[in-house]
Amino acid sequence: MENKKVTHTARSVLRLWNTGWFAFVWIAFYNKFMFDNHRVFGAIISTITFYVIYSFLCGVYKAFRIASTDVGEIVFSQFVSFGAADLILYMECCLVFNVFLNLLPGMAIVCIQLLGTMAISLYTKRYFMRHVATQKTLVIYGSKRTKEDAVCFEKRLLRKYSHLFDILFTESEMLSDQVFYQRVAGVETIIMYDVSHERRAHFTTYCLELKKNFYYTPDIQDVLEMGCETKHLLDTSLMKYEYRYENRGRKVVKRTMDIFFSLFFILLFSPAMLVICIAIKLEDGGPVFYKQKRCTQNGREFDILKFRSMKVDAEKYGVIPSTEDDPRITKVGKKIRALRLDEVPQFFNILKGDMAFVGPRPERVEHVEMYMAQLPEFRYRMSVKGGLTGYAQVFGKYNTSAYDKLLMDLMYIENQSLLLDLKITLLTIRTVFQKESTEGFEESVSQSMTDEIGGK
């Protein structure tokens, strides 16, 4: 209860701060250009419009999740949210007045909004970590996992969320009911890590009775059930799978948007692409572009286009996933990879129709064959066209396991909509600036990809 009070108060203060300063600069400067008459009413409507846009973007970027997000990510998410709302209202004012208005007042307010957001977020986070108690936690791991797997999972969890969880017990799903009841009595939260359906049902029933917090990792069957709708036939409720990804109307709209935005970004990035082409050529004289066989919808192969970021003979010993500080990466390649600029030529793939802006990342042909041999459900991932960005790209990392990426991509397929595509596109902007989302495979991960999939 205490943590909710802290986060709710911080949320209200942030909304008041950013909306209040927008209202100040709007009334003091921009409102007179927007409205000749009814200026008071116009100022109110404009402030409400800012608040709606700002709140919507905060929802997309999870900008109010202070308890479970680090300060830097909160501030960045807030900055994008109120900055975009400020810019939209500014551009609207310019269009109405038919001239570019002085941007300095707006920029000054953005700086004030940013400084205040930094101070509020930092103070709230520190207060939260000092005064809000961590939750005593029980971790139960499934029979497919070892105790070492569970400990590794706990370390990764506590590395970022040690202020939320205090793990007291770690038990296998095969623990006796007596031990389970004793453990649950001494904790507030239960985390079920890859626990089987049967045991999970037993554990969650008891947690519900005691109103305990509980988390569980979903499996592929859980995700596929998201695509079902309830049908009431006679006096029996049935779940019917709907094949939502085959909606023709949404496909037409999505393809139209892909064509429009790929042309727009090709024109926008054309100066940068020219500079990158020259830099790559000057560094080692090799080819500027790199083509790679990938699989898209229904397993169709195509050549994905990238700026070459590795040495010309990088794969002379076969296909090896890139690693952190990979010696095969060139100097130019390291810089363009950090900003994802090596992916820019894929706008041509989108324009051609091989890819979409949003969708499961098209995998290399060699990896697809390996994945499908171990995970038959991987075929379902290719029910839709591969994308430049996707659910796994914004919610996972470059070195997230193949199985977890599959789960994320299936979540996208089962829940896809134009609104979700917009959300993923906006989140991609944040992802570009997160180092952990662009880091390479660790050597151990690179060498054990097949074993990791096979263990599922």
Protein backbone atom coordinates (compact mmCIF):
# COMPACT_ATOMS: atom_id res chain seq x y z
CA MET A 1 0.00 0.00 0.00
CA GLU A 2 2.83 2.37 0.89
CA ASN A 3 4.58 1.92 -2.46
CA LYS A 4 1.34 2.73 -4.32
CA LYS A 5 0.95 5.96 -2.33
CA VAL A 6 4.50 6.99 -3.23
CA THR A 7 4.17 6.24 -6.94
CA HIS A 8 0.66 7.74 -7.22
CA THR A 9 1.84 10.94 -5.55
CA ALA A 10 4.86 11.17 -7.86
CA ARG A 11 2.63 10.56 -10.88
CA SER A 12 0.32 13.42 -9.88
CA VAL A 13 3.24 15.78 -9.23
CA LEU A 14 4.83 14.98 -12.62
CA ARG A 15 1.56 15.53 -14.45
CA LEU A 16 0.96 18.81 -12.63
CA TRP A 17 4.52 20.02 -13.22
CA ASN A 18 4.69 19.27 -16.96
CA THR A 19 1.12 20.30 -17.77
CA GLY A 20 1.40 23.44 -15.63
CA TRP A 21 4.52 24.70 -17.37
CA PHE A 22 2.99 23.99 -20.78
CA ALA A 23 -0.10 25.99 -19.79
CA PHE A 24 2.14 28.85 -18.63
CA VAL A 25 4.08 29.24 -21.89
CA TRP A 26 0.97 28.66 -23.97
CA ILE A 27 -1.05 31.37 -22.23
CA ALA A 28 1.91 33.74 -22.00
CA PHE A 29 3.01 33.47 -25.63
CA TYR A 30 1.45 31.03 -28.10
CA ASN A 31 -2.26 31.25 -27.31
CA LYS A 32 -2.67 34.69 -28.93
CA PHE A 33 -1.43 33.33 -32.26
CA MET A 34 -3.72 30.32 -32.11
CA PHE A 35 -6.97 32.05 -31.14
CA ASP A 36 -8.19 35.49 -32.19
CA ASN A 37 -11.29 35.12 -30.07
CA HIS A 38 -12.32 32.95 -27.10
CA ARG A 39 -8.74 32.84 -25.89
CA VAL A 40 -9.62 31.60 -22.41
CA PHE A 41 -11.61 28.70 -23.83
CA GLY A 42 -8.86 28.07 -26.39
CA ALA A 43 -6.19 27.96 -23.69
CA ILE A 44 -8.23 25.44 -21.71
CA ILE A 45 -8.77 23.22 -24.76
CA SER A 46 -5.08 23.40 -25.70
CA THR A 47 -4.00 22.48 -22.17
CA ILE A 48 -6.40 19.55 -22.13
CA THR A 49 -5.07 18.43 -25.54
CA PHE A 50 -1.51 18.55 -24.21
CA TYR A 51 -2.53 16.57 -21.14
CA VAL A 52 -4.23 13.86 -23.24
CA ILE A 53 -1.26 13.48 -25.62
CA TYR A 54 1.24 13.56 -22.76
CA SER A 55 -0.69 10.98 -20.73
CA PHE A 56 -1.11 8.70 -23.77
CA LEU A 57 2.62 8.75 -24.53
CA CYS A 58 3.45 8.19 -20.85
CA GLY A 59 1.25 5.10 -21.04
CA VAL A 60 3.08 3.88 -24.14
CA TYR A 61 6.51 4.45 -22.62
CA LYS A 62 5.52 3.27 -19.11
CA ALA A 63 6.82 6.63 -17.90
CA PHE A 64 5.12 6.41 -14.49
CA ARG A 65 6.51 3.01 -13.45
CA ILE A 66 8.82 4.55 -10.91
CA ALA A 67 9.06 1.50 -8.64
CA SER A 68 10.24 -0.92 -11.35
CA THR A 69 12.21 1.40 -13.63
CA ASP A 70 15.55 3.15 -13.19
CA VAL A 71 15.68 6.96 -13.02
CA GLY A 72 17.39 7.42 -16.39
CA GLU A 73 14.69 5.45 -18.20
CA ILE A 74 11.91 7.31 -16.36
CA VAL A 75 13.38 10.70 -17.27
CA PHE A 76 13.93 9.71 -20.89
CA SER A 77 10.37 8.36 -21.21
CA GLN A 78 8.96 11.50 -19.61
CA PHE A 79 11.08 13.73 -21.86
CA VAL A 80 9.85 12.01 -25.03
CA SER A 81 6.26 12.18 -23.78
CA PHE A 82 6.04 15.85 -22.81
CA GLY A 83 8.50 16.89 -25.55
CA ALA A 84 6.36 15.27 -28.26
CA ALA A 85 3.19 16.82 -26.81
CA ASP A 86 4.88 20.26 -26.71
CA LEU A 87 6.04 19.87 -30.31
CA ILE A 88 2.62 18.77 -31.60
CA LEU A 89 0.89 21.79 -30.06
CA TYR A 90 3.64 24.10 -31.35
CA MET A 91 3.30 22.76 -34.90
CA GLU A 92 -0.49 23.10 -34.69
CA CYS A 93 -0.07 26.73 -33.68
CA CYS A 94 2.34 27.36 -36.58
CA LEU A 95 -0.09 25.80 -39.07
CA VAL A 96 -2.99 27.93 -37.81
CA PHE A 97 -0.95 31.15 -37.86
CA ASN A 98 0.69 30.07 -41.16
CA VAL A 99 4.22 31.02 -40.05
CA PHE A 100 6.96 29.48 -37.92
CA LEU A 101 6.69 31.10 -34.50
CA ASN A 102 9.54 31.80 -32.10
CA LEU A 103 10.66 28.45 -30.73
CA LEU A 104 12.75 29.81 -27.85
CA PRO A 105 9.91 30.18 -25.29
CA GLY A 106 8.87 26.60 -25.94
CA MET A 107 12.46 25.32 -25.71
CA ALA A 108 12.95 27.16 -22.42
CA ILE A 109 9.86 25.51 -20.98
CA VAL A 110 11.02 22.08 -22.20
CA CYS A 111 14.27 22.61 -20.30
CA ILE A 112 12.33 23.56 -17.16
CA GLN A 113 10.05 20.54 -17.58
CA LEU A 114 13.10 18.29 -17.98
CA LEU A 115 14.94 19.66 -14.94
CA GLY A 116 11.84 19.35 -12.77
CA THR A 117 11.17 15.82 -14.02
CA MET A 118 14.74 14.81 -13.20
CA ALA A 119 14.47 16.23 -9.67
CA ILE A 120 11.03 14.68 -8.98
CA SER A 121 12.02 11.26 -10.36
CA LEU A 122 15.33 11.17 -8.49
CA TYR A 123 13.79 12.22 -5.17
CA THR A 124 10.89 9.77 -5.53
CA LYS A 125 13.20 6.88 -6.43
CA ARG A 126 15.47 7.58 -3.44
CA TYR A 127 12.51 7.94 -1.11
CA PHE A 128 11.01 4.71 -2.44
CA MET A 129 14.20 2.74 -1.95
CA ARG A 130 14.74 4.08 1.58
CA HIS A 131 11.23 3.91 2.99
CA VAL A 132 9.31 1.22 1.09
CA ALA A 133 9.96 -2.31 2.33
CA THR A 134 10.92 -5.03 -0.12
CA GLN A 135 8.53 -7.95 -0.56
CA LYS A 136 9.55 -11.22 1.03
CA THR A 137 9.62 -13.60 -1.91
CA LEU A 138 9.51 -17.32 -2.67
CA VAL A 139 10.87 -18.51 -6.03
CA ILE A 140 9.62 -21.86 -7.35
CA TYR A 141 11.39 -23.26 -10.41
CA GLY A 142 10.05 -25.90 -12.78
CA SER A 143 11.30 -29.44 -13.25
CA LYS A 144 12.87 -28.49 -16.59
CA ARG A 145 15.13 -26.06 -14.76
CA THR A 146 18.01 -26.73 -12.39
CA LYS A 147 18.77 -25.02 -9.11
CA GLU A 148 21.61 -23.23 -10.92
CA ASP A 149 19.14 -21.89 -13.53
CA ALA A 150 16.94 -20.56 -10.75
CA VAL A 151 19.86 -18.88 -9.00
CA CYS A 152 20.90 -17.26 -12.29
CA PHE A 153 17.35 -16.02 -12.79
CA GLU A 154 17.31 -14.57 -9.27
CA LYS A 155 20.61 -12.77 -9.82
CA ARG A 156 19.30 -11.16 -12.99
CA LEU A 157 16.08 -10.19 -11.23
CA LEU A 158 17.81 -8.69 -8.19
CA ARG A 159 20.36 -6.86 -10.32
CA LYS A 160 17.59 -4.48 -11.33
CA TYR A 161 14.80 -5.01 -8.81
CA SER A 162 16.52 -5.64 -5.47
CA HIS A 163 14.43 -2.79 -4.02
CA LEU A 164 11.25 -4.73 -4.79
CA PHE A 165 12.06 -8.36 -3.93
CA ASP A 166 13.77 -10.00 -0.98
CA ILE A 167 14.14 -13.65 -1.98
CA LEU A 168 13.98 -15.81 1.14
CA PHE A 169 13.38 -19.25 -0.37
CA THR A 170 14.14 -21.07 -3.63
CA GLU A 171 12.30 -24.35 -4.13
CA SER A 172 11.63 -26.88 -6.88
CA GLU A 173 8.05 -27.32 -8.11
CA MET A 174 8.23 -30.84 -6.68
CA LEU A 175 8.30 -29.58 -3.10
CA SER A 176 5.72 -31.13 -0.78
CA ASP A 177 2.48 -29.32 0.04
CA GLN A 178 3.51 -29.02 3.67
CA VAL A 179 6.76 -27.25 2.75
CA PHE A 180 4.91 -25.08 0.22
CA TYR A 181 2.36 -23.94 2.82
CA GLN A 182 5.13 -23.15 5.29
CA ARG A 183 7.07 -21.13 2.73
CA VAL A 184 4.02 -19.19 1.53
CA ALA A 185 3.09 -18.31 5.12
CA GLY A 186 6.38 -16.46 5.49
CA VAL A 187 6.34 -14.45 2.24
CA GLU A 188 4.25 -11.88 0.43
CA THR A 189 5.13 -12.74 -3.17
CA ILE A 190 5.58 -16.00 -5.09
CA ILE A 191 7.43 -16.14 -8.41
CA MET A 192 6.90 -19.29 -10.49
CA TYR A 193 9.75 -19.73 -12.95
CA ASP A 194 8.93 -22.17 -15.78
CA VAL A 195 6.60 -24.18 -13.54
CA SER A 196 4.41 -26.82 -15.26
CA HIS A 197 0.70 -26.14 -15.83
CA GLU A 198 -0.45 -28.72 -13.30
CA ARG A 199 1.72 -27.50 -10.47
CA ARG A 200 1.12 -23.86 -11.34
CA ALA A 201 -2.65 -24.35 -11.08
CA HIS A 202 -2.19 -25.86 -7.63
CA PHE A 203 0.08 -23.04 -6.43
CA THR A 204 -2.03 -20.20 -7.82
CA THR A 205 -5.22 -21.57 -6.25
CA TYR A 206 -3.62 -21.40 -2.82
CA CYS A 207 -2.14 -17.94 -3.52
CA LEU A 208 -5.58 -16.64 -4.49
CA GLU A 209 -7.08 -17.97 -1.28
CA LEU A 210 -4.49 -16.10 0.78
CA LYS A 211 -4.43 -13.05 -1.53
CA LYS A 212 -0.70 -13.39 -2.11
CA ASN A 213 1.07 -11.59 -4.96
CA PHE A 214 2.26 -14.04 -7.59
CA TYR A 215 4.07 -13.98 -10.92
CA TYR A 216 4.61 -16.78 -13.44
CA THR A 217 6.48 -17.18 -16.69
CA PRO A 218 4.07 -18.02 -19.55
CA ASP A 219 4.65 -20.84 -21.99
CA ILE A 220 3.72 -21.02 -25.65
CA GLN A 221 0.28 -22.50 -24.93
CA ASP A 222 -0.53 -19.56 -22.62
CA VAL A 223 0.37 -17.11 -25.37
CA LEU A 224 -1.62 -18.88 -28.09
CA GLU A 225 -4.71 -18.74 -25.88
CA MET A 226 -4.56 -14.92 -26.12
CA GLY A 227 -5.91 -15.29 -29.67
CA CYS A 228 -9.13 -16.94 -28.49
CA GLU A 229 -12.54 -15.42 -27.88
CA THR A 230 -15.26 -16.78 -25.64
CA LYS A 231 -18.28 -18.24 -27.44
CA HIS A 232 -21.44 -19.18 -25.55
CA LEU A 233 -23.08 -22.13 -27.30
CA LEU A 234 -26.15 -23.46 -25.47
CA ASP A 235 -25.13 -23.51 -21.80
CA THR A 236 -21.47 -24.26 -22.49
CA SER A 237 -18.72 -21.67 -22.86
CA LEU A 238 -16.16 -22.46 -25.55
CA MET A 239 -12.93 -20.75 -26.53
CA LYS A 240 -12.57 -20.24 -30.29
CA TYR A 241 -9.28 -19.35 -31.95
CA GLU A 242 -9.86 -16.34 -34.24
CA TYR A 243 -6.77 -16.06 -36.54
CA ARG A 244 -6.67 -12.31 -35.99
CA TYR A 245 -3.45 -11.89 -37.98
CA GLU A 246 -5.38 -12.70 -41.19
CA ASN A 247 -7.58 -9.58 -41.02
CA ARG A 248 -7.50 -8.27 -44.63
CA GLY A 249 -8.51 -4.71 -43.82
CA ARG A 250 -5.68 -4.31 -41.31
CA LYS A 251 -3.23 -5.83 -43.81
CA VAL A 252 -4.13 -3.25 -46.47
CA VAL A 253 -3.82 -0.34 -44.05
CA LYS A 254 -0.54 -1.67 -42.67
CA ARG A 255 0.96 -2.13 -46.14
CA THR A 256 -0.11 1.38 -47.17
CA MET A 257 1.56 2.84 -44.08
CA ASP A 258 4.69 0.76 -44.72
CA ILE A 259 5.03 2.19 -48.24
CA PHE A 260 4.44 5.77 -47.11
CA PHE A 261 6.83 5.72 -44.15
CA SER A 262 9.57 3.76 -45.93
CA LEU A 263 9.64 6.43 -48.67
CA PHE A 264 9.62 9.16 -46.02
CA PHE A 265 12.55 7.68 -44.09
CA ILE A 266 14.55 6.91 -47.23
CA LEU A 267 14.37 10.61 -48.10
CA LEU A 268 15.03 11.66 -44.49
CA PHE A 269 18.11 9.46 -44.07
CA SER A 270 19.52 9.92 -47.56
CA PRO A 271 22.24 12.41 -46.41
CA ALA A 272 23.27 10.10 -43.55
CA MET A 273 23.28 7.08 -45.88
CA LEU A 274 25.60 8.92 -48.26
CA VAL A 275 28.04 9.73 -45.43
CA ILE A 276 27.98 6.13 -44.16
CA CYS A 277 28.62 4.75 -47.65
CA ILE A 278 31.68 6.98 -48.05
CA ALA A 279 32.98 6.11 -44.54
CA ILE A 280 32.68 2.35 -45.10
CA LYS A 281 34.41 2.59 -48.48
CA LEU A 282 37.23 4.71 -47.13
CA GLU A 283 37.93 2.42 -44.17
CA ASP A 284 38.79 -0.79 -46.01
CA GLY A 285 37.65 -0.40 -49.62
CA GLY A 286 35.18 -3.28 -49.30
CA PRO A 287 31.51 -3.36 -50.36
CA VAL A 288 29.19 -0.85 -48.70
CA PHE A 289 26.20 -3.15 -48.33
CA TYR A 290 25.85 -6.59 -46.85
CA LYS A 291 23.17 -9.04 -47.95
CA GLN A 292 21.99 -11.91 -45.81
CA LYS A 293 19.39 -14.61 -46.43
CA ARG A 294 16.44 -14.26 -44.06
CA CYS A 295 13.02 -15.90 -43.72
CA THR A 296 9.82 -13.88 -43.71
CA GLN A 297 6.10 -14.73 -43.97
CA ASN A 298 5.37 -18.41 -44.69
CA GLY A 299 9.08 -19.19 -44.69
CA ARG A 300 9.82 -17.21 -47.88
CA GLU A 301 13.50 -16.36 -48.21
CA PHE A 302 14.73 -12.90 -49.16
CA ASP A 303 17.96 -10.88 -49.03
CA ILE A 304 17.95 -8.46 -46.11
CA LEU A 305 20.00 -5.34 -46.79
CA LYS A 306 22.35 -3.74 -44.25
CA PHE A 307 25.33 -1.44 -44.21
CA ARG A 308 28.38 -3.66 -43.80
CA SER A 309 29.63 -3.32 -40.23
CA MET A 310 32.09 -6.26 -40.16
CA LYS A 311 35.22 -7.17 -42.02
CA VAL A 312 34.71 -8.55 -45.52
CA ASP A 313 35.74 -12.08 -44.50
CA ALA A 314 33.86 -12.05 -41.16
CA GLU A 315 32.04 -15.32 -41.92
CA LYS A 316 34.79 -17.28 -43.62
CA TYR A 317 34.58 -19.83 -40.77
CA GLY A 318 30.80 -20.07 -40.89
CA VAL A 319 27.87 -18.32 -39.22
CA ILE A 320 28.91 -17.08 -35.78
CA PRO A 321 26.67 -14.66 -33.82
CA SER A 322 28.41 -11.39 -32.97
CA THR A 323 29.71 -10.94 -29.45
CA GLU A 324 30.52 -8.03 -27.15
CA ASP A 325 33.63 -6.26 -28.51
CA ASP A 326 33.70 -8.63 -31.48
CA PRO A 327 37.07 -8.13 -33.29
CA ARG A 328 35.35 -8.67 -36.65
CA ILE A 329 33.42 -5.38 -36.28
CA THR A 330 35.02 -2.44 -38.08
CA LYS A 331 35.51 1.03 -36.58
CA VAL A 332 32.71 2.48 -38.70
CA GLY A 333 30.61 -0.60 -37.97
CA LYS A 334 30.90 -0.12 -34.23
CA LYS A 335 29.57 3.42 -34.50
CA ILE A 336 26.67 2.70 -36.83
CA ARG A 337 25.68 -0.37 -34.82
CA ALA A 338 25.51 1.69 -31.62
CA LEU A 339 22.86 3.90 -33.25
CA ARG A 340 21.29 1.08 -35.31
CA LEU A 341 22.19 2.97 -38.49
CA ASP A 342 23.39 -0.28 -40.07
CA GLU A 343 19.71 -1.23 -40.30
CA VAL A 344 18.67 1.85 -42.34
CA PRO A 345 18.93 0.16 -45.80
CA GLN A 346 16.12 -2.15 -44.69
CA PHE A 347 13.70 0.66 -45.55
CA PHE A 348 14.24 -0.54 -49.13
CA ASN A 349 13.22 -4.07 -48.03
CA ILE A 350 10.06 -2.58 -46.53
CA LEU A 351 9.29 -0.60 -49.69
CA LYS A 352 9.77 -3.74 -51.78
CA GLY A 353 7.38 -5.71 -49.55
CA ASP A 354 9.80 -8.25 -48.09
CA MET A 355 9.37 -6.75 -44.61
CA ALA A 356 7.01 -4.58 -42.59
CA PHE A 357 7.90 -1.82 -40.17
CA VAL A 358 6.62 -3.86 -37.23
CA GLY A 359 6.68 -7.63 -36.95
CA PRO A 360 8.80 -10.53 -35.70
CA ARG A 361 12.43 -9.96 -36.66
CA PRO A 362 13.21 -12.09 -39.75
CA GLU A 363 15.75 -14.75 -38.76
CA ARG A 364 18.65 -16.14 -40.71
CA VAL A 365 17.81 -19.25 -42.71
CA GLU A 366 20.33 -21.33 -40.76
CA HIS A 367 18.77 -20.30 -37.43
CA VAL A 368 15.21 -20.96 -38.63
CA GLU A 369 16.07 -24.54 -39.52
CA MET A 370 17.65 -25.05 -36.09
CA TYR A 371 14.77 -23.40 -34.20
CA MET A 372 12.07 -25.36 -36.00
CA ALA A 373 13.85 -28.62 -35.29
CA GLN A 374 13.63 -27.89 -31.57
CA LEU A 375 10.48 -25.74 -31.38
CA PRO A 376 7.72 -26.69 -33.86
CA GLU A 377 5.77 -23.61 -32.74
CA PHE A 378 8.43 -21.45 -34.41
CA ARG A 379 6.60 -22.01 -37.71
CA TYR A 380 3.67 -20.05 -36.32
CA ARG A 381 5.98 -17.06 -35.80
CA MET A 382 6.23 -16.82 -39.59
CA SER A 383 2.47 -16.43 -40.03
CA VAL A 384 3.09 -12.71 -40.45
CA LYS A 385 5.65 -10.67 -42.35
CA GLY A 386 8.98 -10.03 -40.65
CA GLY A 387 9.60 -6.53 -39.36
CA LEU A 388 12.30 -3.89 -38.96
CA THR A 389 11.32 -3.64 -35.31
CA GLY A 390 9.08 -5.78 -33.16
CA TYR A 391 7.84 -6.80 -29.74
CA ALA A 392 11.01 -8.75 -28.92
CA GLN A 393 13.21 -5.83 -30.02
CA VAL A 394 11.64 -3.30 -27.64
CA PHE A 395 10.93 -5.57 -24.68
CA GLY A 396 13.92 -7.88 -24.97
CA LYS A 397 17.62 -7.50 -25.67
CA TYR A 398 19.88 -8.55 -28.52
CA ASN A 399 21.06 -11.45 -26.35
CA THR A 400 17.63 -12.48 -25.03
CA SER A 401 17.21 -16.24 -25.42
CA ALA A 402 15.62 -17.63 -28.58
CA TYR A 403 12.74 -19.14 -26.60
CA ASP A 404 11.89 -15.89 -24.82
CA LYS A 405 12.05 -13.98 -28.10
CA LEU A 406 9.64 -16.52 -29.59
CA LEU A 407 7.20 -15.96 -26.71
CA MET A 408 7.35 -12.18 -27.23
CA ASP A 409 6.81 -12.46 -30.98
CA LEU A 410 3.83 -14.78 -30.46
CA MET A 411 2.40 -12.23 -28.01
CA TYR A 412 2.59 -9.66 -30.81
CA ILE A 413 0.89 -11.96 -33.32
CA GLU A 414 -1.98 -12.71 -30.94
CA ASN A 415 -2.51 -9.08 -29.93
CA GLN A 416 -1.50 -7.19 -33.06
CA SER A 417 -3.32 -4.05 -34.03
CA LEU A 418 -2.44 -0.72 -35.63
CA LEU A 419 -2.36 0.82 -32.14
CA LEU A 420 0.13 -1.83 -30.96
CA ASP A 421 2.25 -1.16 -34.07
CA LEU A 422 2.26 2.54 -33.15
CA LYS A 423 3.24 1.72 -29.58
CA ILE A 424 6.14 -0.52 -30.68
CA THR A 425 7.31 2.13 -33.16
CA LEU A 426 7.38 4.78 -30.43
CA LEU A 427 9.16 2.42 -28.02
CA THR A 428 11.78 1.71 -30.69
CA ILE A 429 12.96 5.32 -30.39
CA ARG A 430 13.77 4.68 -26.72
CA THR A 431 15.35 1.31 -27.47
CA VAL A 432 17.92 2.86 -29.82
CA PHE A 433 19.38 4.79 -26.87
CA GLN A 434 19.56 1.82 -24.50
CA LYS A 435 22.98 0.17 -24.58
CA GLU A 436 21.72 -3.11 -23.14
CA SER A 437 19.31 -3.59 -26.05
CA THR A 438 22.13 -3.39 -28.62
CA GLU A 439 24.79 -5.42 -26.86
CA GLY A 440 26.04 -8.60 -28.51
CA PHE A 441 25.73 -12.20 -27.43
CA GLU A 442 28.02 -13.22 -24.62
CA GLU A 443 30.37 -15.96 -25.74
CA SER A 444 28.64 -18.52 -23.53
CA VAL A 445 25.25 -17.61 -24.98
CA SER A 446 26.58 -17.76 -28.51
CA GLN A 447 27.98 -21.24 -27.99
CA SER A 448 24.94 -22.70 -26.23
CA MET A 449 22.02 -21.38 -28.29
CA THR A 450 21.08 -24.82 -29.58
CA ASP A 451 21.33 -26.41 -26.12
CA GLU A 452 19.22 -23.62 -24.58
CA ILE A 453 16.42 -24.18 -27.08
CA GLY A 454 16.62 -27.91 -26.79
CA GLY A 455 16.16 -27.74 -23.04
CA LYS A 456 12.67 -26.24 -23.38
